[in-house]
N, C-alpha and C. Protein backbone atom coordinates (compact mmCIF):
# COMPACT_ATOMS: atom_id res chain seq x y z
N MET A 1 117.37 140.22 94.54
CA MET A 1 116.60 138.99 94.60
C MET A 1 116.91 138.28 95.91
N GLY A 2 115.86 137.75 96.55
CA GLY A 2 116.02 137.03 97.80
C GLY A 2 116.39 135.58 97.57
N LYS A 3 116.16 134.79 98.57
CA LYS A 3 116.53 133.38 98.50
C LYS A 3 115.42 132.55 97.85
N PHE A 4 115.80 131.37 97.35
CA PHE A 4 114.86 130.42 96.75
C PHE A 4 114.53 129.34 97.79
N LEU A 5 113.24 129.17 98.05
CA LEU A 5 112.77 128.07 98.90
C LEU A 5 111.93 127.16 98.01
N ALA A 6 112.32 125.90 97.93
CA ALA A 6 111.60 124.97 97.06
C ALA A 6 110.52 124.25 97.87
N TYR A 7 109.35 124.10 97.23
CA TYR A 7 108.27 123.32 97.83
C TYR A 7 107.93 122.17 96.89
N LEU A 8 107.95 120.96 97.44
CA LEU A 8 107.68 119.75 96.68
C LEU A 8 106.49 119.03 97.32
N ARG A 9 105.63 118.44 96.47
CA ARG A 9 104.48 117.70 97.00
C ARG A 9 104.15 116.52 96.09
N VAL A 10 103.91 115.38 96.72
CA VAL A 10 103.35 114.22 96.02
C VAL A 10 102.17 113.74 96.84
N SER A 11 101.13 113.30 96.15
CA SER A 11 99.94 112.86 96.87
C SER A 11 99.97 111.39 97.20
N THR A 12 100.76 110.59 96.48
CA THR A 12 100.86 109.17 96.79
C THR A 12 102.31 108.74 96.79
N GLU A 13 102.58 107.63 97.44
CA GLU A 13 103.95 107.11 97.47
C GLU A 13 104.39 106.67 96.07
N ASN A 14 103.44 106.19 95.26
CA ASN A 14 103.77 105.74 93.91
C ASN A 14 104.32 106.87 93.07
N GLN A 15 103.90 108.11 93.33
CA GLN A 15 104.39 109.23 92.54
C GLN A 15 105.88 109.45 92.78
N GLY A 16 106.39 108.97 93.88
CA GLY A 16 107.81 109.09 94.14
C GLY A 16 108.64 108.32 93.13
N GLU A 17 108.02 107.33 92.46
CA GLU A 17 108.73 106.48 91.52
C GLU A 17 108.56 106.94 90.08
N ILE A 18 107.70 107.93 89.84
CA ILE A 18 107.46 108.36 88.46
C ILE A 18 107.95 109.79 88.27
N ARG A 19 107.69 110.34 87.09
CA ARG A 19 108.20 111.66 86.72
C ARG A 19 107.75 112.77 87.66
N ALA A 20 106.56 112.63 88.25
CA ALA A 20 106.03 113.67 89.14
C ALA A 20 106.57 113.52 90.56
N GLY A 21 107.51 112.59 90.76
CA GLY A 21 108.03 112.32 92.08
C GLY A 21 108.87 113.44 92.67
N LEU A 22 109.19 113.28 93.94
CA LEU A 22 109.95 114.30 94.65
C LEU A 22 111.31 114.56 94.02
N ALA A 23 112.00 113.49 93.59
CA ALA A 23 113.33 113.67 93.00
C ALA A 23 113.26 114.50 91.72
N ALA A 24 112.24 114.22 90.89
CA ALA A 24 112.08 114.99 89.65
C ALA A 24 111.73 116.44 89.94
N GLN A 25 110.87 116.67 90.93
CA GLN A 25 110.51 118.04 91.29
C GLN A 25 111.73 118.79 91.82
N LEU A 26 112.50 118.12 92.66
CA LEU A 26 113.70 118.74 93.22
C LEU A 26 114.70 119.09 92.11
N ALA A 27 114.88 118.19 91.16
CA ALA A 27 115.79 118.44 90.05
C ALA A 27 115.33 119.65 89.23
N ALA A 28 114.02 119.75 88.98
CA ALA A 28 113.48 120.89 88.22
C ALA A 28 113.71 122.20 88.97
N CYS A 29 113.49 122.18 90.28
CA CYS A 29 113.68 123.39 91.09
C CYS A 29 115.15 123.80 91.14
N ARG A 30 116.04 122.82 91.32
CA ARG A 30 117.48 123.13 91.36
C ARG A 30 117.93 123.72 90.02
N SER A 31 117.48 123.11 88.93
CA SER A 31 117.85 123.58 87.60
C SER A 31 117.39 125.03 87.39
N HIS A 32 116.17 125.33 87.82
CA HIS A 32 115.65 126.69 87.66
C HIS A 32 116.47 127.68 88.50
N ALA A 33 116.78 127.30 89.72
CA ALA A 33 117.57 128.19 90.59
C ALA A 33 118.95 128.44 89.98
N GLU A 34 119.55 127.39 89.40
CA GLU A 34 120.87 127.55 88.77
C GLU A 34 120.80 128.47 87.56
N LYS A 35 119.70 128.39 86.79
CA LYS A 35 119.53 129.30 85.64
C LYS A 35 119.47 130.75 86.10
N CYS A 36 118.98 130.94 87.32
CA CYS A 36 118.89 132.29 87.89
C CYS A 36 120.15 132.65 88.67
N LYS A 37 121.21 131.86 88.49
CA LYS A 37 122.50 132.09 89.16
C LYS A 37 122.34 132.08 90.68
N SER A 38 121.59 131.10 91.17
CA SER A 38 121.35 130.99 92.61
C SER A 38 121.30 129.50 92.98
N SER A 39 120.97 129.25 94.22
CA SER A 39 120.79 127.87 94.68
C SER A 39 119.60 127.85 95.65
N LEU A 40 119.19 126.67 96.01
CA LEU A 40 118.06 126.53 96.92
C LEU A 40 118.52 126.74 98.36
N ALA A 41 117.91 127.67 99.05
CA ALA A 41 118.25 127.93 100.45
C ALA A 41 117.68 126.82 101.34
N ASP A 42 116.51 126.28 100.95
CA ASP A 42 115.89 125.22 101.73
C ASP A 42 114.86 124.50 100.86
N VAL A 43 114.53 123.28 101.24
CA VAL A 43 113.55 122.47 100.52
C VAL A 43 112.51 121.97 101.51
N PHE A 44 111.25 122.10 101.15
CA PHE A 44 110.13 121.68 101.98
C PHE A 44 109.33 120.64 101.22
N LYS A 45 109.02 119.52 101.88
CA LYS A 45 108.35 118.40 101.20
C LYS A 45 107.10 117.97 101.96
N ASP A 46 106.01 117.80 101.20
CA ASP A 46 104.79 117.19 101.72
C ASP A 46 104.56 115.91 100.92
N GLU A 47 104.62 114.77 101.59
CA GLU A 47 104.40 113.49 100.94
C GLU A 47 103.04 112.94 101.36
N GLY A 48 102.31 112.42 100.41
CA GLY A 48 101.00 111.85 100.70
C GLY A 48 99.94 112.89 100.96
N ALA A 49 100.13 114.10 100.47
CA ALA A 49 99.18 115.19 100.67
C ALA A 49 98.47 115.48 99.35
N THR A 50 97.18 115.22 99.30
CA THR A 50 96.45 115.46 98.06
C THR A 50 96.37 116.94 97.76
N GLY A 51 96.12 117.26 96.51
CA GLY A 51 96.02 118.65 96.09
C GLY A 51 94.70 119.28 96.48
N ALA A 52 93.74 118.46 96.94
CA ALA A 52 92.41 118.99 97.24
C ALA A 52 92.23 119.39 98.70
N CYS A 53 93.10 118.94 99.57
CA CYS A 53 92.87 119.23 100.99
C CYS A 53 93.46 120.58 101.38
N GLY A 54 93.09 121.07 102.55
CA GLY A 54 93.49 122.39 103.01
C GLY A 54 94.92 122.46 103.49
N SER A 55 95.35 123.66 103.84
CA SER A 55 96.74 123.89 104.24
C SER A 55 97.13 123.15 105.51
N GLU A 56 96.14 122.80 106.35
CA GLU A 56 96.48 122.05 107.56
C GLU A 56 97.02 120.66 107.23
N LYS A 57 96.74 120.19 106.02
CA LYS A 57 97.25 118.90 105.57
C LYS A 57 98.59 119.04 104.86
N HIS A 58 99.09 120.28 104.72
CA HIS A 58 100.35 120.56 104.05
C HIS A 58 101.27 121.33 105.00
N PRO A 59 101.75 120.68 106.05
CA PRO A 59 102.57 121.40 107.04
C PRO A 59 103.86 121.96 106.45
N ALA A 60 104.46 121.27 105.47
CA ALA A 60 105.69 121.79 104.88
C ALA A 60 105.43 123.07 104.11
N LEU A 61 104.30 123.17 103.44
CA LEU A 61 103.95 124.40 102.71
C LEU A 61 103.76 125.55 103.69
N VAL A 62 103.06 125.28 104.78
CA VAL A 62 102.85 126.32 105.80
C VAL A 62 104.19 126.78 106.35
N GLU A 63 105.09 125.83 106.61
CA GLU A 63 106.42 126.16 107.12
C GLU A 63 107.21 126.98 106.09
N ALA A 64 107.13 126.59 104.82
CA ALA A 64 107.84 127.32 103.76
C ALA A 64 107.35 128.76 103.69
N ILE A 65 106.05 128.96 103.72
CA ILE A 65 105.49 130.31 103.65
C ILE A 65 105.93 131.13 104.87
N SER A 66 105.95 130.50 106.03
CA SER A 66 106.37 131.23 107.24
C SER A 66 107.83 131.65 107.19
N ARG A 67 108.65 130.94 106.44
CA ARG A 67 110.08 131.24 106.34
C ARG A 67 110.40 132.25 105.23
N LEU A 68 109.42 132.62 104.43
CA LEU A 68 109.65 133.58 103.36
C LEU A 68 109.87 134.99 103.91
N ASP A 69 110.78 135.70 103.29
CA ASP A 69 111.02 137.11 103.59
C ASP A 69 110.75 137.91 102.32
N LYS A 70 110.83 139.23 102.45
CA LYS A 70 110.62 140.11 101.30
C LYS A 70 111.59 139.74 100.17
N ASP A 71 111.09 139.69 98.97
CA ASP A 71 111.84 139.39 97.75
C ASP A 71 112.27 137.93 97.62
N ASP A 72 111.85 137.05 98.52
CA ASP A 72 112.13 135.62 98.39
C ASP A 72 111.23 135.00 97.33
N ILE A 73 111.60 133.82 96.90
CA ILE A 73 110.83 133.09 95.90
C ILE A 73 110.50 131.71 96.42
N LEU A 74 109.20 131.40 96.41
CA LEU A 74 108.75 130.04 96.70
C LEU A 74 108.71 129.34 95.35
N LEU A 75 109.62 128.40 95.16
CA LEU A 75 109.80 127.73 93.87
C LEU A 75 109.12 126.37 93.88
N VAL A 76 108.28 126.13 92.88
CA VAL A 76 107.62 124.84 92.71
C VAL A 76 107.96 124.31 91.32
N ALA A 77 107.97 123.00 91.17
CA ALA A 77 108.25 122.41 89.86
C ALA A 77 107.14 122.74 88.88
N LYS A 78 105.90 122.60 89.34
CA LYS A 78 104.72 122.95 88.55
C LYS A 78 103.71 123.58 89.50
N ARG A 79 102.81 124.38 88.94
CA ARG A 79 101.83 125.08 89.77
C ARG A 79 100.93 124.14 90.55
N ASP A 80 100.63 122.96 90.00
CA ASP A 80 99.70 122.07 90.70
C ASP A 80 100.29 121.49 91.98
N CYS A 81 101.58 121.73 92.23
CA CYS A 81 102.17 121.31 93.51
C CYS A 81 101.54 122.09 94.66
N LEU A 82 101.05 123.28 94.36
CA LEU A 82 100.42 124.10 95.41
C LEU A 82 99.05 123.55 95.80
N GLY A 83 98.40 122.86 94.89
CA GLY A 83 97.08 122.30 95.18
C GLY A 83 96.21 122.36 93.95
N ARG A 84 95.02 121.78 94.08
CA ARG A 84 94.10 121.74 92.96
C ARG A 84 92.84 122.58 93.20
N ASP A 85 92.68 123.04 94.40
CA ASP A 85 91.51 123.85 94.74
C ASP A 85 91.82 125.31 94.40
N PRO A 86 91.10 125.90 93.45
CA PRO A 86 91.40 127.28 93.04
C PRO A 86 91.38 128.29 94.19
N ILE A 87 90.45 128.13 95.09
CA ILE A 87 90.37 129.07 96.22
C ILE A 87 91.54 128.86 97.17
N GLY A 88 91.89 127.60 97.40
CA GLY A 88 93.04 127.30 98.26
C GLY A 88 94.33 127.85 97.69
N VAL A 89 94.52 127.69 96.39
CA VAL A 89 95.73 128.20 95.74
C VAL A 89 95.74 129.73 95.78
N ALA A 90 94.58 130.35 95.59
CA ALA A 90 94.51 131.81 95.67
C ALA A 90 94.90 132.29 97.07
N MET A 91 94.48 131.55 98.09
CA MET A 91 94.85 131.91 99.46
C MET A 91 96.35 131.76 99.69
N ILE A 92 96.93 130.72 99.12
CA ILE A 92 98.39 130.51 99.22
C ILE A 92 99.11 131.67 98.54
N GLU A 93 98.66 132.02 97.33
CA GLU A 93 99.28 133.14 96.61
C GLU A 93 99.18 134.44 97.40
N ARG A 94 98.03 134.65 98.02
CA ARG A 94 97.82 135.87 98.82
C ARG A 94 98.76 135.89 100.03
N ALA A 95 98.93 134.73 100.67
CA ALA A 95 99.82 134.66 101.84
C ALA A 95 101.27 134.93 101.43
N VAL A 96 101.68 134.38 100.30
CA VAL A 96 103.05 134.60 99.82
C VAL A 96 103.24 136.07 99.45
N ALA A 97 102.27 136.65 98.74
CA ALA A 97 102.36 138.07 98.37
C ALA A 97 102.37 138.96 99.61
N GLY A 98 101.64 138.55 100.63
CA GLY A 98 101.61 139.31 101.88
C GLY A 98 102.97 139.38 102.57
N LYS A 99 103.82 138.39 102.29
CA LYS A 99 105.17 138.39 102.86
C LYS A 99 106.14 139.18 101.98
N GLY A 100 105.64 139.71 100.85
CA GLY A 100 106.52 140.43 99.93
C GLY A 100 107.32 139.49 99.05
N ALA A 101 106.91 138.23 99.02
CA ALA A 101 107.60 137.22 98.21
C ALA A 101 106.73 136.88 97.01
N ARG A 102 107.20 135.94 96.21
CA ARG A 102 106.38 135.50 95.08
C ARG A 102 106.60 134.02 94.81
N ILE A 103 105.67 133.45 94.06
CA ILE A 103 105.73 132.04 93.68
C ILE A 103 106.23 131.97 92.24
N VAL A 104 107.16 131.06 91.99
CA VAL A 104 107.66 130.83 90.64
C VAL A 104 107.58 129.34 90.34
N SER A 105 107.09 129.03 89.14
CA SER A 105 107.03 127.65 88.67
C SER A 105 108.25 127.38 87.82
N ALA A 106 108.98 126.32 88.13
CA ALA A 106 110.17 125.97 87.34
C ALA A 106 109.80 125.61 85.91
N SER A 107 108.57 125.17 85.69
CA SER A 107 108.15 124.82 84.33
C SER A 107 107.65 126.03 83.55
N GLY A 108 107.66 127.22 84.18
CA GLY A 108 107.30 128.45 83.48
C GLY A 108 105.82 128.59 83.19
N GLU A 109 104.98 128.35 84.15
CA GLU A 109 103.53 128.40 83.96
C GLU A 109 102.94 129.76 84.32
N GLY A 110 103.56 130.82 83.93
CA GLY A 110 102.99 132.15 84.12
C GLY A 110 103.10 132.70 85.52
N THR A 111 104.15 132.32 86.24
CA THR A 111 104.30 132.83 87.61
C THR A 111 105.31 133.96 87.71
N GLU A 112 105.90 134.36 86.58
CA GLU A 112 106.96 135.36 86.63
C GLU A 112 106.44 136.76 86.90
N GLU A 113 105.22 137.06 86.48
CA GLU A 113 104.66 138.41 86.63
C GLU A 113 103.45 138.37 87.55
N ASN A 114 103.15 139.50 88.18
CA ASN A 114 101.99 139.58 89.07
C ASN A 114 100.99 140.64 88.62
N GLY A 115 100.98 140.96 87.32
CA GLY A 115 99.99 141.89 86.80
C GLY A 115 98.61 141.26 86.78
N PRO A 116 97.58 142.07 86.60
CA PRO A 116 96.21 141.55 86.61
C PRO A 116 95.97 140.42 85.60
N SER A 117 96.51 140.56 84.39
CA SER A 117 96.27 139.50 83.40
C SER A 117 96.98 138.21 83.79
N ASN A 118 98.19 138.30 84.37
CA ASN A 118 98.89 137.10 84.81
C ASN A 118 98.15 136.41 85.95
N ILE A 119 97.64 137.21 86.87
CA ILE A 119 96.87 136.63 87.98
C ILE A 119 95.62 135.96 87.44
N GLY A 120 94.94 136.61 86.49
CA GLY A 120 93.74 136.03 85.89
C GLY A 120 94.04 134.72 85.19
N ILE A 121 95.13 134.67 84.43
CA ILE A 121 95.51 133.44 83.74
C ILE A 121 95.83 132.35 84.73
N ARG A 122 96.56 132.67 85.79
CA ARG A 122 96.88 131.67 86.81
C ARG A 122 95.61 131.13 87.45
N GLN A 123 94.66 132.00 87.75
CA GLN A 123 93.43 131.54 88.38
C GLN A 123 92.64 130.64 87.44
N MET A 124 92.67 130.94 86.14
CA MET A 124 92.01 130.05 85.18
C MET A 124 92.73 128.70 85.14
N MET A 125 94.06 128.73 85.18
CA MET A 125 94.82 127.49 85.18
C MET A 125 94.51 126.68 86.43
N ASN A 126 94.30 127.35 87.56
CA ASN A 126 93.96 126.66 88.80
C ASN A 126 92.60 125.98 88.70
N ALA A 127 91.70 126.54 87.91
CA ALA A 127 90.35 126.00 87.81
C ALA A 127 90.29 124.74 86.96
N PHE A 128 91.22 124.56 86.02
CA PHE A 128 91.15 123.39 85.14
C PHE A 128 91.26 122.05 85.86
N PRO A 129 92.20 121.86 86.80
CA PRO A 129 92.23 120.56 87.49
C PRO A 129 90.92 120.26 88.23
N GLU A 130 90.33 121.28 88.83
CA GLU A 130 89.05 121.08 89.52
C GLU A 130 87.97 120.71 88.51
N TYR A 131 87.97 121.36 87.36
CA TYR A 131 87.02 121.05 86.29
C TYR A 131 87.20 119.60 85.84
N GLU A 132 88.46 119.19 85.63
CA GLU A 132 88.73 117.81 85.21
C GLU A 132 88.26 116.81 86.26
N ARG A 133 88.47 117.12 87.54
CA ARG A 133 88.03 116.23 88.61
C ARG A 133 86.51 116.09 88.61
N LEU A 134 85.82 117.21 88.42
CA LEU A 134 84.36 117.18 88.39
C LEU A 134 83.85 116.40 87.18
N ILE A 135 84.46 116.59 86.02
CA ILE A 135 84.06 115.85 84.81
C ILE A 135 84.30 114.36 85.00
N ALA A 136 85.46 113.99 85.55
CA ALA A 136 85.76 112.57 85.78
C ALA A 136 84.73 111.96 86.72
N GLY A 137 84.36 112.68 87.78
CA GLY A 137 83.35 112.18 88.71
C GLY A 137 82.01 112.01 88.04
N LYS A 138 81.65 112.97 87.19
CA LYS A 138 80.37 112.89 86.47
C LYS A 138 80.37 111.70 85.53
N LYS A 139 81.46 111.50 84.79
CA LYS A 139 81.55 110.38 83.85
C LYS A 139 81.50 109.05 84.60
N ALA A 140 82.13 108.97 85.74
CA ALA A 140 82.09 107.73 86.53
C ALA A 140 80.67 107.45 87.00
N LYS A 141 79.97 108.48 87.45
CA LYS A 141 78.59 108.33 87.91
C LYS A 141 77.69 107.90 86.75
N GLU A 142 77.85 108.54 85.59
CA GLU A 142 77.06 108.17 84.41
C GLU A 142 77.34 106.74 84.00
N GLY A 143 78.59 106.32 84.06
CA GLY A 143 78.95 104.95 83.71
C GLY A 143 78.31 103.95 84.64
N LEU A 144 78.32 104.26 85.93
CA LEU A 144 77.69 103.38 86.91
C LEU A 144 76.19 103.28 86.68
N GLU A 145 75.56 104.42 86.39
CA GLU A 145 74.12 104.41 86.12
C GLU A 145 73.80 103.62 84.86
N ALA A 146 74.63 103.75 83.82
CA ALA A 146 74.42 102.99 82.58
C ALA A 146 74.58 101.50 82.85
N TRP A 147 75.56 101.14 83.65
CA TRP A 147 75.78 99.74 84.00
C TRP A 147 74.57 99.19 84.75
N LYS A 148 74.03 99.97 85.68
CA LYS A 148 72.84 99.54 86.43
C LYS A 148 71.64 99.37 85.50
N ARG A 149 71.46 100.33 84.56
CA ARG A 149 70.35 100.23 83.61
C ARG A 149 70.49 98.98 82.74
N LYS A 150 71.70 98.71 82.27
CA LYS A 150 71.94 97.54 81.44
C LYS A 150 71.67 96.27 82.24
N ARG A 151 72.12 96.26 83.47
CA ARG A 151 71.90 95.09 84.32
C ARG A 151 70.40 94.88 84.56
N GLU A 152 69.66 95.97 84.80
CA GLU A 152 68.21 95.87 84.99
C GLU A 152 67.54 95.37 83.71
N LEU A 153 68.00 95.84 82.56
CA LEU A 153 67.44 95.41 81.29
C LEU A 153 67.69 93.92 81.07
N VAL A 154 68.90 93.46 81.35
CA VAL A 154 69.22 92.04 81.21
C VAL A 154 68.36 91.21 82.15
N GLU A 155 68.21 91.68 83.37
CA GLU A 155 67.39 90.97 84.36
C GLU A 155 65.93 90.92 83.91
N THR A 156 65.43 92.02 83.39
CA THR A 156 64.04 92.07 82.90
C THR A 156 63.86 91.08 81.74
N ARG A 157 64.79 91.06 80.79
CA ARG A 157 64.73 90.13 79.66
C ARG A 157 64.77 88.69 80.15
N ARG A 158 65.62 88.42 81.13
CA ARG A 158 65.73 87.06 81.66
C ARG A 158 64.40 86.62 82.28
N ARG A 159 63.77 87.53 83.06
CA ARG A 159 62.48 87.20 83.68
C ARG A 159 61.40 86.98 82.62
N LEU A 160 61.38 87.85 81.60
CA LEU A 160 60.40 87.70 80.53
C LEU A 160 60.59 86.37 79.80
N TRP A 161 61.85 86.03 79.53
CA TRP A 161 62.13 84.77 78.85
C TRP A 161 61.69 83.60 79.71
N GLN A 162 62.00 83.64 81.02
CA GLN A 162 61.59 82.57 81.92
C GLN A 162 60.07 82.47 81.99
N ASN A 163 59.42 83.62 82.10
CA ASN A 163 57.95 83.61 82.15
C ASN A 163 57.38 83.06 80.85
N SER A 164 57.93 83.44 79.70
CA SER A 164 57.46 82.93 78.41
C SER A 164 57.67 81.42 78.33
N TRP A 165 58.81 80.98 78.76
CA TRP A 165 59.12 79.55 78.72
C TRP A 165 58.16 78.78 79.62
N HIS A 166 57.95 79.28 80.84
CA HIS A 166 57.04 78.60 81.76
C HIS A 166 55.61 78.62 81.21
N THR A 167 55.22 79.74 80.61
CA THR A 167 53.89 79.84 80.01
C THR A 167 53.74 78.80 78.89
N LEU A 168 54.76 78.67 78.06
CA LEU A 168 54.73 77.70 76.97
C LEU A 168 54.64 76.28 77.51
N LEU A 169 55.45 75.99 78.54
CA LEU A 169 55.40 74.64 79.14
C LEU A 169 54.04 74.36 79.75
N ASP A 170 53.49 75.37 80.41
CA ASP A 170 52.15 75.20 81.00
C ASP A 170 51.12 74.93 79.92
N GLU A 171 51.20 75.66 78.82
CA GLU A 171 50.25 75.45 77.72
C GLU A 171 50.42 74.07 77.11
N MET A 172 51.65 73.63 76.97
CA MET A 172 51.89 72.29 76.40
C MET A 172 51.37 71.23 77.34
N GLU A 173 51.57 71.46 78.61
CA GLU A 173 51.10 70.50 79.61
C GLU A 173 49.58 70.41 79.57
N ARG A 174 48.92 71.55 79.51
CA ARG A 174 47.46 71.57 79.44
C ARG A 174 46.96 70.92 78.14
N SER A 175 47.66 71.20 77.06
CA SER A 175 47.30 70.61 75.78
C SER A 175 47.39 69.10 75.82
N GLY A 176 48.41 68.60 76.47
CA GLY A 176 48.61 67.16 76.59
C GLY A 176 47.54 66.51 77.44
N LYS A 177 47.05 67.17 78.48
CA LYS A 177 46.05 66.62 79.38
C LYS A 177 44.67 66.64 78.73
N ASP A 178 44.43 67.66 77.90
CA ASP A 178 43.14 67.79 77.23
C ASP A 178 42.97 66.75 76.16
N GLY A 179 44.11 66.24 75.70
CA GLY A 179 44.06 65.27 74.61
C GLY A 179 43.98 65.91 73.27
N SER A 180 44.19 67.20 73.16
CA SER A 180 44.07 67.87 71.88
C SER A 180 45.30 67.72 71.05
């Protein structure tokens, strides 16, 4: 077995203060390495890097991959540290495999094996965050459209009420002038 290189990523500074923060990711990676009777040879961190952007926005990940040798392990706390774009993550996996190394998730998300079924499961897992992002965007758009429709309906009712009121006042005024 080669050396363990840990890769940590947070997309916002606020994540540094919660469970998904760098300290928690580092602790998970160290714990996993210790279970394997090893230690971390190096740690690479990308702070403020979203999971959706390309590798040029993740210089620490690029550096970690370049430092991998045959039989090394790129250790992440969870698979989503690599990114949320399924194609981007597949490219990262391909680059790591090309170095003769492999990716392991400290949380045990199916990174231990590289058989066809394991790769298929990982790719499906990579697709879920993108699916969730698309659903959230769709729901937000639908909510905004519903809000606009409701606002238009309220505005239409207000105009109708004003027109009815003015029509009634006009009729009363005419009635009063006619003497009826």
